[in-house]
Amino acid sequence: ALESLPAHYLEVILLRDFEELTIAEISGQLGENTGAIKSRLHRARILVREYMLNSD
């Protein structure tokens, strides 16, 4: 499922869920505001969920 994500979504998923960085840490590392990171993370998780539900 992760390999199907666009790079900008994959990046935040990896940093948050695998590297266990906080939203603030990801924001600082990527140079973007926390709202943008939260939004991107939410959209990435929706895409992963949709992929998993449709991959019978």
PDB file of N, CA and C in Angstrom:
ATOM      1  N   ALA A   1       0.818  -1.197   0.000  1.00  0.00           N
ATOM      2  CA  ALA A   1       0.000   0.000   0.000  1.00  0.00           C
ATOM      3  C   ALA A   1       0.861   1.260   0.000  1.00  0.00           C
ATOM      4  N   LEU A   2       1.941   1.244   0.777  1.00  0.00           N
ATOM      5  CA  LEU A   2       2.769   2.445   0.875  1.00  0.00           C
ATOM      6  C   LEU A   2       3.450   2.790  -0.439  1.00  0.00           C
ATOM      7  N   GLU A   3       3.835   1.772  -1.192  1.00  0.00           N
ATOM      8  CA  GLU A   3       4.529   2.045  -2.453  1.00  0.00           C
ATOM      9  C   GLU A   3       3.622   2.712  -3.482  1.00  0.00           C
ATOM     10  N   SER A   4       2.311   2.672  -3.253  1.00  0.00           N
ATOM     11  CA  SER A   4       1.374   3.311  -4.177  1.00  0.00           C
ATOM     12  C   SER A   4       1.173   4.799  -3.878  1.00  0.00           C
ATOM     13  N   LEU A   5       1.702   5.277  -2.748  1.00  0.00           N
ATOM     14  CA  LEU A   5       1.519   6.682  -2.364  1.00  0.00           C
ATOM     15  C   LEU A   5       2.444   7.614  -3.140  1.00  0.00           C
ATOM     16  N   PRO A   6       1.959   8.810  -3.464  1.00  0.00           N
ATOM     17  CA  PRO A   6       2.853   9.833  -3.997  1.00  0.00           C
ATOM     18  C   PRO A   6       3.939  10.155  -2.964  1.00  0.00           C
ATOM     19  N   ALA A   7       5.086  10.578  -3.421  1.00  0.00           N
ATOM     20  CA  ALA A   7       6.258  10.785  -2.563  1.00  0.00           C
ATOM     21  C   ALA A   7       5.987  11.721  -1.385  1.00  0.00           C
ATOM     22  N   HIS A   8       5.244  12.811  -1.602  1.00  0.00           N
ATOM     23  CA  HIS A   8       5.017  13.764  -0.512  1.00  0.00           C
ATOM     24  C   HIS A   8       4.125  13.185   0.590  1.00  0.00           C
ATOM     25  N   TYR A   9       3.265  12.228   0.258  1.00  0.00           N
ATOM     26  CA  TYR A   9       2.465  11.543   1.270  1.00  0.00           C
ATOM     27  C   TYR A   9       3.283  10.455   1.956  1.00  0.00           C
ATOM     28  N   LEU A  10       4.039   9.721   1.180  1.00  0.00           N
ATOM     29  CA  LEU A  10       4.875   8.657   1.736  1.00  0.00           C
ATOM     30  C   LEU A  10       5.850   9.216   2.769  1.00  0.00           C
ATOM     31  N   GLU A  11       6.424  10.359   2.454  1.00  0.00           N
ATOM     32  CA  GLU A  11       7.403  10.983   3.343  1.00  0.00           C
ATOM     33  C   GLU A  11       6.830  11.237   4.742  1.00  0.00           C
ATOM     34  N   VAL A  12       5.641  11.816   4.814  1.00  0.00           N
ATOM     35  CA  VAL A  12       5.077  12.115   6.137  1.00  0.00           C
ATOM     36  C   VAL A  12       4.641  10.856   6.873  1.00  0.00           C
ATOM     37  N   ILE A  13       4.139   9.866   6.154  1.00  0.00           N
ATOM     38  CA  ILE A  13       3.768   8.586   6.783  1.00  0.00           C
ATOM     39  C   ILE A  13       5.003   7.935   7.393  1.00  0.00           C
ATOM     40  N   LEU A  14       6.093   7.904   6.642  1.00  0.00           N
ATOM     41  CA  LEU A  14       7.317   7.279   7.142  1.00  0.00           C
ATOM     42  C   LEU A  14       7.868   8.017   8.356  1.00  0.00           C
ATOM     43  N   LEU A  15       7.890   9.337   8.280  1.00  0.00           N
ATOM     44  CA  LEU A  15       8.427  10.120   9.394  1.00  0.00           C
ATOM     45  C   LEU A  15       7.569   9.989  10.652  1.00  0.00           C
ATOM     46  N   ARG A  16       6.271   9.977  10.492  1.00  0.00           N
ATOM     47  CA  ARG A  16       5.368   9.925  11.651  1.00  0.00           C
ATOM     48  C   ARG A  16       5.229   8.511  12.213  1.00  0.00           C
ATOM     49  N   ASP A  17       4.932   7.557  11.353  1.00  0.00           N
ATOM     50  CA  ASP A  17       4.570   6.228  11.832  1.00  0.00           C
ATOM     51  C   ASP A  17       5.749   5.273  11.977  1.00  0.00           C
ATOM     52  N   PHE A  18       6.816   5.494  11.242  1.00  0.00           N
ATOM     53  CA  PHE A  18       7.960   4.589  11.339  1.00  0.00           C
ATOM     54  C   PHE A  18       9.126   5.211  12.101  1.00  0.00           C
ATOM     55  N   GLU A  19       9.381   6.492  11.856  1.00  0.00           N
ATOM     56  CA  GLU A  19      10.437   7.191  12.600  1.00  0.00           C
ATOM     57  C   GLU A  19       9.922   7.748  13.926  1.00  0.00           C
ATOM     58  N   GLU A  20       8.594   7.770  14.076  1.00  0.00           N
ATOM     59  CA  GLU A  20       7.919   8.234  15.291  1.00  0.00           C
ATOM     60  C   GLU A  20       8.240   9.679  15.663  1.00  0.00           C
ATOM     61  N   LEU A  21       8.380  10.524  14.643  1.00  0.00           N
ATOM     62  CA  LEU A  21       8.575  11.953  14.885  1.00  0.00           C
ATOM     63  C   LEU A  21       7.230  12.596  15.199  1.00  0.00           C
ATOM     64  N   THR A  22       7.266  13.674  15.951  1.00  0.00           N
ATOM     65  CA  THR A  22       6.043  14.429  16.220  1.00  0.00           C
ATOM     66  C   THR A  22       5.708  15.282  14.997  1.00  0.00           C
ATOM     67  N   ILE A  23       4.488  15.792  14.987  1.00  0.00           N
ATOM     68  CA  ILE A  23       4.076  16.690  13.905  1.00  0.00           C
ATOM     69  C   ILE A  23       5.004  17.902  13.865  1.00  0.00           C
ATOM     70  N   ALA A  24       5.336  18.441  15.024  1.00  0.00           N
ATOM     71  CA  ALA A  24       6.226  19.606  15.098  1.00  0.00           C
ATOM     72  C   ALA A  24       7.612  19.277  14.547  1.00  0.00           C
ATOM     73  N   GLU A  25       8.119  18.100  14.858  1.00  0.00           N
ATOM     74  CA  GLU A  25       9.435  17.702  14.349  1.00  0.00           C
ATOM     75  C   GLU A  25       9.413  17.535  12.833  1.00  0.00           C
ATOM     76  N   ILE A  26       8.352  16.936  12.323  1.00  0.00           N
ATOM     77  CA  ILE A  26       8.221  16.772  10.870  1.00  0.00           C
ATOM     78  C   ILE A  26       8.123  18.141  10.213  1.00  0.00           C
ATOM     79  N   SER A  27       7.338  19.018  10.807  1.00  0.00           N
ATOM     80  CA  SER A  27       7.179  20.376  10.303  1.00  0.00           C
ATOM     81  C   SER A  27       8.523  21.087  10.205  1.00  0.00           C
ATOM     82  N   GLY A  28       9.320  20.991  11.256  1.00  0.00           N
ATOM     83  CA  GLY A  28      10.640  21.614  11.256  1.00  0.00           C
ATOM     84  C   GLY A  28      11.573  20.998  10.234  1.00  0.00           C
ATOM     85  N   GLN A  29      11.535  19.686  10.121  1.00  0.00           N
ATOM     86  CA  GLN A  29      12.417  18.988   9.188  1.00  0.00           C
ATOM     87  C   GLN A  29      12.073  19.315   7.738  1.00  0.00           C
ATOM     88  N   LEU A  30      10.785  19.440   7.442  1.00  0.00           N
ATOM     89  CA  LEU A  30      10.365  19.704   6.067  1.00  0.00           C
ATOM     90  C   LEU A  30      10.206  21.195   5.769  1.00  0.00           C
ATOM     91  N   GLY A  31      10.274  22.028   6.808  1.00  0.00           N
ATOM     92  CA  GLY A  31      10.149  23.467   6.604  1.00  0.00           C
ATOM     93  C   GLY A  31       8.749  23.905   6.220  1.00  0.00           C
ATOM     94  N   GLU A  32       7.747  23.190   6.730  1.00  0.00           N
ATOM     95  CA  GLU A  32       6.356  23.531   6.439  1.00  0.00           C
ATOM     96  C   GLU A  32       5.598  23.684   7.749  1.00  0.00           C
ATOM     97  N   ASN A  33       4.466  24.380   7.710  1.00  0.00           N
ATOM     98  CA  ASN A  33       3.717  24.587   8.951  1.00  0.00           C
ATOM     99  C   ASN A  33       3.013  23.304   9.391  1.00  0.00           C
ATOM    100  N   THR A  34       2.672  23.249  10.664  1.00  0.00           N
ATOM    101  CA  THR A  34       2.093  22.026  11.223  1.00  0.00           C
ATOM    102  C   THR A  34       0.736  21.688  10.604  1.00  0.00           C
ATOM    103  N   GLY A  35      -0.024  22.695  10.245  1.00  0.00           N
ATOM    104  CA  GLY A  35      -1.320  22.453   9.603  1.00  0.00           C
ATOM    105  C   GLY A  35      -1.173  21.702   8.293  1.00  0.00           C
ATOM    106  N   ALA A  36      -0.176  22.075   7.513  1.00  0.00           N
ATOM    107  CA  ALA A  36       0.070  21.397   6.237  1.00  0.00           C
ATOM    108  C   ALA A  36       0.481  19.948   6.462  1.00  0.00           C
ATOM    109  N   ILE A  37       1.282  19.717   7.478  1.00  0.00           N
ATOM    110  CA  ILE A  37       1.735  18.358   7.781  1.00  0.00           C
ATOM    111  C   ILE A  37       0.564  17.503   8.252  1.00  0.00           C
ATOM    112  N   LYS A  38      -0.272  18.043   9.132  1.00  0.00           N
ATOM    113  CA  LYS A  38      -1.440  17.301   9.614  1.00  0.00           C
ATOM    114  C   LYS A  38      -2.366  16.944   8.461  1.00  0.00           C
ATOM    115  N   SER A  39      -2.590  17.893   7.578  1.00  0.00           N
ATOM    116  CA  SER A  39      -3.456  17.672   6.430  1.00  0.00           C
ATOM    117  C   SER A  39      -2.884  16.599   5.507  1.00  0.00           C
ATOM    118  N   ARG A  40      -1.609  16.686   5.228  1.00  0.00           N
ATOM    119  CA  ARG A  40      -0.957  15.714   4.349  1.00  0.00           C
ATOM    120  C   ARG A  40      -0.983  14.315   4.961  1.00  0.00           C
ATOM    121  N   LEU A  41      -0.752  14.230   6.255  1.00  0.00           N
ATOM    122  CA  LEU A  41      -0.778  12.948   6.949  1.00  0.00           C
ATOM    123  C   LEU A  41      -2.185  12.344   6.905  1.00  0.00           C
ATOM    124  N   HIS A  42      -3.182  13.171   7.130  1.00  0.00           N
ATOM    125  CA  HIS A  42      -4.568  12.707   7.079  1.00  0.00           C
ATOM    126  C   HIS A  42      -4.912  12.180   5.686  1.00  0.00           C
ATOM    127  N   ARG A  43      -4.549  12.925   4.657  1.00  0.00           N
ATOM    128  CA  ARG A  43      -4.831  12.494   3.282  1.00  0.00           C
ATOM    129  C   ARG A  43      -4.083  11.216   2.934  1.00  0.00           C
ATOM    130  N   ALA A  44      -2.853  11.099   3.400  1.00  0.00           N
ATOM    131  CA  ALA A  44      -2.061   9.893   3.144  1.00  0.00           C
ATOM    132  C   ALA A  44      -2.719   8.680   3.782  1.00  0.00           C
ATOM    133  N   ARG A  45      -3.197   8.831   4.991  1.00  0.00           N
ATOM    134  CA  ARG A  45      -3.848   7.711   5.675  1.00  0.00           C
ATOM    135  C   ARG A  45      -5.150   7.319   4.990  1.00  0.00           C
ATOM    136  N   ILE A  46      -5.871   8.288   4.471  1.00  0.00           N
ATOM    137  CA  ILE A  46      -7.087   7.988   3.702  1.00  0.00           C
ATOM    138  C   ILE A  46      -6.728   7.162   2.471  1.00  0.00           C
ATOM    139  N   LEU A  47      -5.687   7.549   1.757  1.00  0.00           N
ATOM    140  CA  LEU A  47      -5.272   6.805   0.570  1.00  0.00           C
ATOM    141  C   LEU A  47      -4.857   5.381   0.910  1.00  0.00           C
ATOM    142  N   VAL A  48      -4.134   5.206   2.005  1.00  0.00           N
ATOM    143  CA  VAL A  48      -3.725   3.860   2.430  1.00  0.00           C
ATOM    144  C   VAL A  48      -4.962   3.033   2.767  1.00  0.00           C
ATOM    145  N   ARG A  49      -5.882   3.621   3.501  1.00  0.00           N
ATOM    146  CA  ARG A  49      -7.115   2.919   3.871  1.00  0.00           C
ATOM    147  C   ARG A  49      -7.894   2.501   2.625  1.00  0.00           C
ATOM    148  N   GLU A  50      -8.054   3.415   1.669  1.00  0.00           N
ATOM    149  CA  GLU A  50      -8.778   3.096   0.436  1.00  0.00           C
ATOM    150  C   GLU A  50      -8.077   1.989  -0.339  1.00  0.00           C
ATOM    151  N   TYR A  51      -6.762   2.044  -0.388  1.00  0.00           N
ATOM    152  CA  TYR A  51      -5.996   1.013  -1.080  1.00  0.00           C
ATOM    153  C   TYR A  51      -6.237  -0.349  -0.435  1.00  0.00           C
ATOM    154  N   MET A  52      -6.192  -0.386   0.892  1.00  0.00           N
ATOM    155  CA  MET A  52      -6.375  -1.651   1.611  1.00  0.00           C
ATOM    156  C   MET A  52      -7.792  -2.203   1.422  1.00  0.00           C
ATOM    157  N   LEU A  53      -8.780  -1.348   1.410  1.00  0.00           N
ATOM    158  CA  LEU A  53     -10.161  -1.796   1.237  1.00  0.00           C
ATOM    159  C   LEU A  53     -10.436  -2.301  -0.173  1.00  0.00           C
ATOM    160  N   ASN A  54      -9.721  -1.764  -1.149  1.00  0.00           N
ATOM    161  CA  ASN A  54      -9.967  -2.118  -2.548  1.00  0.00           C
ATOM    162  C   ASN A  54      -8.987  -3.133  -3.112  1.00  0.00           C
ATOM    163  N   SER A  55      -8.131  -3.691  -2.297  1.00  0.00           N
ATOM    164  CA  SER A  55      -7.101  -4.601  -2.817  1.00  0.00           C
ATOM    165  C   SER A  55      -7.435  -6.062  -2.535  1.00  0.00           C
ATOM    166  N   ASP A  56      -8.637  -6.437  -2.849  1.00  0.00           N
ATOM    167  CA  ASP A  56      -9.048  -7.833  -2.634  1.00  0.00           C
ATOM    168  C   ASP A  56      -8.344  -8.691  -3.571  1.00  0.00           C
TER     169      ASP A  56
END
